[in-house]
Protein backbone atom coordinates (compact mmCIF):
# COMPACT_ATOMS: atom_id res chain seq x y z
CA MET A 1 -0.19 0.22 0.01
CA THR A 2 2.91 2.51 0.63
CA THR A 3 4.03 2.12 -2.75
CA VAL A 4 1.06 2.72 -4.57
CA GLY A 5 0.49 5.82 -1.87
CA LEU A 6 4.15 7.18 -2.94
CA VAL A 7 3.64 6.40 -6.20
CA LEU A 8 0.35 8.95 -6.19
CA ALA A 9 2.15 11.03 -4.00
CA ALA A 10 4.77 11.60 -6.85
CA LEU A 11 2.32 12.41 -9.33
CA ALA A 12 0.85 14.92 -6.82
CA ALA A 13 3.82 16.51 -7.30
CA LEU A 14 4.14 16.87 -10.27
CA LEU A 15 1.42 18.11 -11.04
CA HIS A 16 1.52 20.57 -8.77
CA VAL A 17 5.22 21.23 -10.13
CA TYR A 18 2.96 22.15 -13.31
CA ILE A 19 0.37 24.24 -11.83
CA PHE A 20 3.65 25.90 -10.51
CA PHE A 21 5.02 26.47 -13.47
CA LEU A 22 1.62 27.68 -15.09
CA GLU A 23 1.09 30.38 -12.41
CA SER A 24 4.70 31.74 -11.96
CA ILE A 25 6.35 31.14 -15.05
CA ALA A 26 3.67 30.86 -17.93
CA TRP A 27 0.85 33.15 -16.36
CA MET A 28 0.89 35.67 -19.13
CA THR A 29 0.59 33.22 -21.88
CA PRO A 30 -2.66 32.23 -23.75
CA ARG A 31 -2.47 28.06 -22.53
CA ALA A 32 -2.27 29.41 -18.83
CA ARG A 33 -5.10 32.34 -19.03
CA ALA A 34 -7.06 29.24 -20.67
CA THR A 35 -6.47 26.87 -18.07
CA PHE A 36 -7.36 29.27 -14.96
CA GLY A 37 -10.49 30.84 -17.25
CA ILE A 38 -8.57 34.66 -17.29
CA ARG A 39 -10.54 36.00 -19.68
CA SER A 40 -7.94 39.26 -20.48
CA ASP A 41 -4.69 40.70 -20.71
CA GLU A 42 -5.69 43.14 -18.07
CA GLU A 43 -7.45 40.43 -15.92
CA ALA A 44 -3.96 38.72 -16.28
CA GLU A 45 -2.02 41.51 -15.22
CA HIS A 46 -3.82 42.13 -12.08
CA THR A 47 -3.81 38.82 -10.90
CA ARG A 48 -0.11 37.87 -12.00
CA VAL A 49 1.59 38.88 -8.11
CA LEU A 50 -1.00 36.71 -6.44
CA ALA A 51 -0.45 34.18 -9.15
CA PHE A 52 3.28 34.11 -8.82
CA ASN A 53 3.01 33.62 -5.01
CA GLN A 54 0.33 30.71 -5.45
CA GLY A 55 2.64 28.67 -7.83
CA PHE A 56 5.10 28.85 -5.21
CA TYR A 57 3.11 27.55 -2.60
CA ASN A 58 1.82 24.64 -5.05
CA LEU A 59 6.38 24.42 -5.98
CA PHE A 60 6.82 24.28 -1.95
CA LEU A 61 4.25 21.68 -1.41
CA ALA A 62 5.40 19.27 -4.68
CA LEU A 63 9.33 19.76 -2.69
CA VAL A 64 8.09 18.63 0.63
CA THR A 65 6.18 15.32 -0.67
CA ALA A 66 9.38 14.77 -2.98
CA ILE A 67 12.01 15.23 0.10
CA GLY A 68 9.09 12.97 1.89
CA ILE A 69 9.12 10.18 -0.78
CA ALA A 70 13.21 10.54 -0.74
CA LEU A 71 13.55 9.90 3.54
CA LEU A 72 11.36 6.85 2.91
CA SER A 73 12.91 5.49 0.27
CA ALA A 74 16.21 5.44 2.15
CA GLY A 75 14.78 4.11 5.51
CA SER A 76 14.12 7.15 6.98
CA THR A 77 10.63 5.88 7.83
CA ALA A 78 8.91 8.54 10.64
CA ALA A 79 10.58 11.49 8.66
CA GLY A 80 9.72 10.42 5.21
CA THR A 81 5.76 9.62 6.29
CA ALA A 82 5.83 12.85 8.20
CA LEU A 83 6.76 15.50 4.92
CA VAL A 84 4.86 13.27 2.67
CA LEU A 85 1.63 13.40 4.96
CA ALA A 86 2.23 16.94 5.28
CA GLY A 87 2.38 17.51 1.69
CA VAL A 88 0.03 15.55 0.29
CA GLY A 89 -2.39 16.35 3.00
CA SER A 90 -1.87 20.32 2.18
CA MET A 91 -2.58 19.39 -1.15
CA ALA A 92 -5.86 17.47 -0.27
CA ALA A 93 -6.54 20.34 2.10
CA ALA A 94 -6.22 23.16 -0.57
CA ALA A 95 -8.69 21.45 -2.65
CA ALA A 96 -11.36 21.10 -0.12
CA VAL A 97 -11.05 24.58 0.34
CA LEU A 98 -11.10 25.49 -3.23
CA VAL A 99 -14.45 23.29 -3.86
CA ILE A 100 -16.04 24.98 -0.60
CA GLY A 101 -14.99 28.84 -1.40
CA SER A 102 -17.12 28.36 -4.82
CA ARG A 103 -18.43 25.09 -6.27
CA SER A 104 -17.85 26.22 -9.50
CA HIS A 105 -14.67 25.30 -9.29
CA ALA A 106 -15.16 21.86 -8.36
CA ARG A 107 -13.27 19.98 -11.11
CA ALA A 108 -10.38 21.90 -10.53
CA ALA A 109 -10.49 20.75 -6.89
CA ALA A 110 -10.81 17.43 -8.17
CA ILE A 111 -7.94 17.41 -10.70
CA GLN A 112 -5.43 19.11 -7.76
CA GLY A 113 -6.98 17.07 -4.89
CA THR A 114 -7.49 13.25 -5.63
CA LEU A 115 -3.86 12.47 -6.31
CA PRO A 116 -3.04 13.86 -2.97
CA LEU A 117 -6.38 12.52 -1.32
CA LEU A 118 -6.04 8.88 -2.33
CA ALA A 119 -2.13 9.22 -1.47
CA VAL A 120 -2.96 10.14 2.04
CA VAL A 121 -5.01 7.33 2.84
CA LEU A 122 -2.73 4.79 1.04
CA VAL A 123 -0.16 6.11 2.97
CA THR A 124 -1.22 6.32 5.95
CA ALA A 125 -2.77 3.01 5.70
CA GLY A 126 1.02 1.70 4.98
CA ALA A 127 2.42 3.08 7.99
CA LEU A 128 -0.57 1.36 10.41
CA ALA A 129 0.07 -1.92 8.77
């Protein structure tokens, strides 16, 4: 169970690195604008600083998760498990906040939160086994 959970955690981390890229590097591009429903250059410019910050938040969650996976793989079970669960748990919680804040973001929340939620369940079950 732990191995599958770590694979899902790694996929969640990669997704959050991609979100970082869109929000912090590619925010003004047509692809990022379409992904996030930004309708104009003016709206993208107005939200650029917020998106830049949010992108780094996603990157840091991915890094915490990746470090946890590395520690678990190296045999540091307690520290690795704690970091993986902190990373993916925060990702899942952020997805819940997104959908609670606006039901219109349910699809985005599902994309952002499903892998981390499954990782939390499987890594926790593996740690308790």
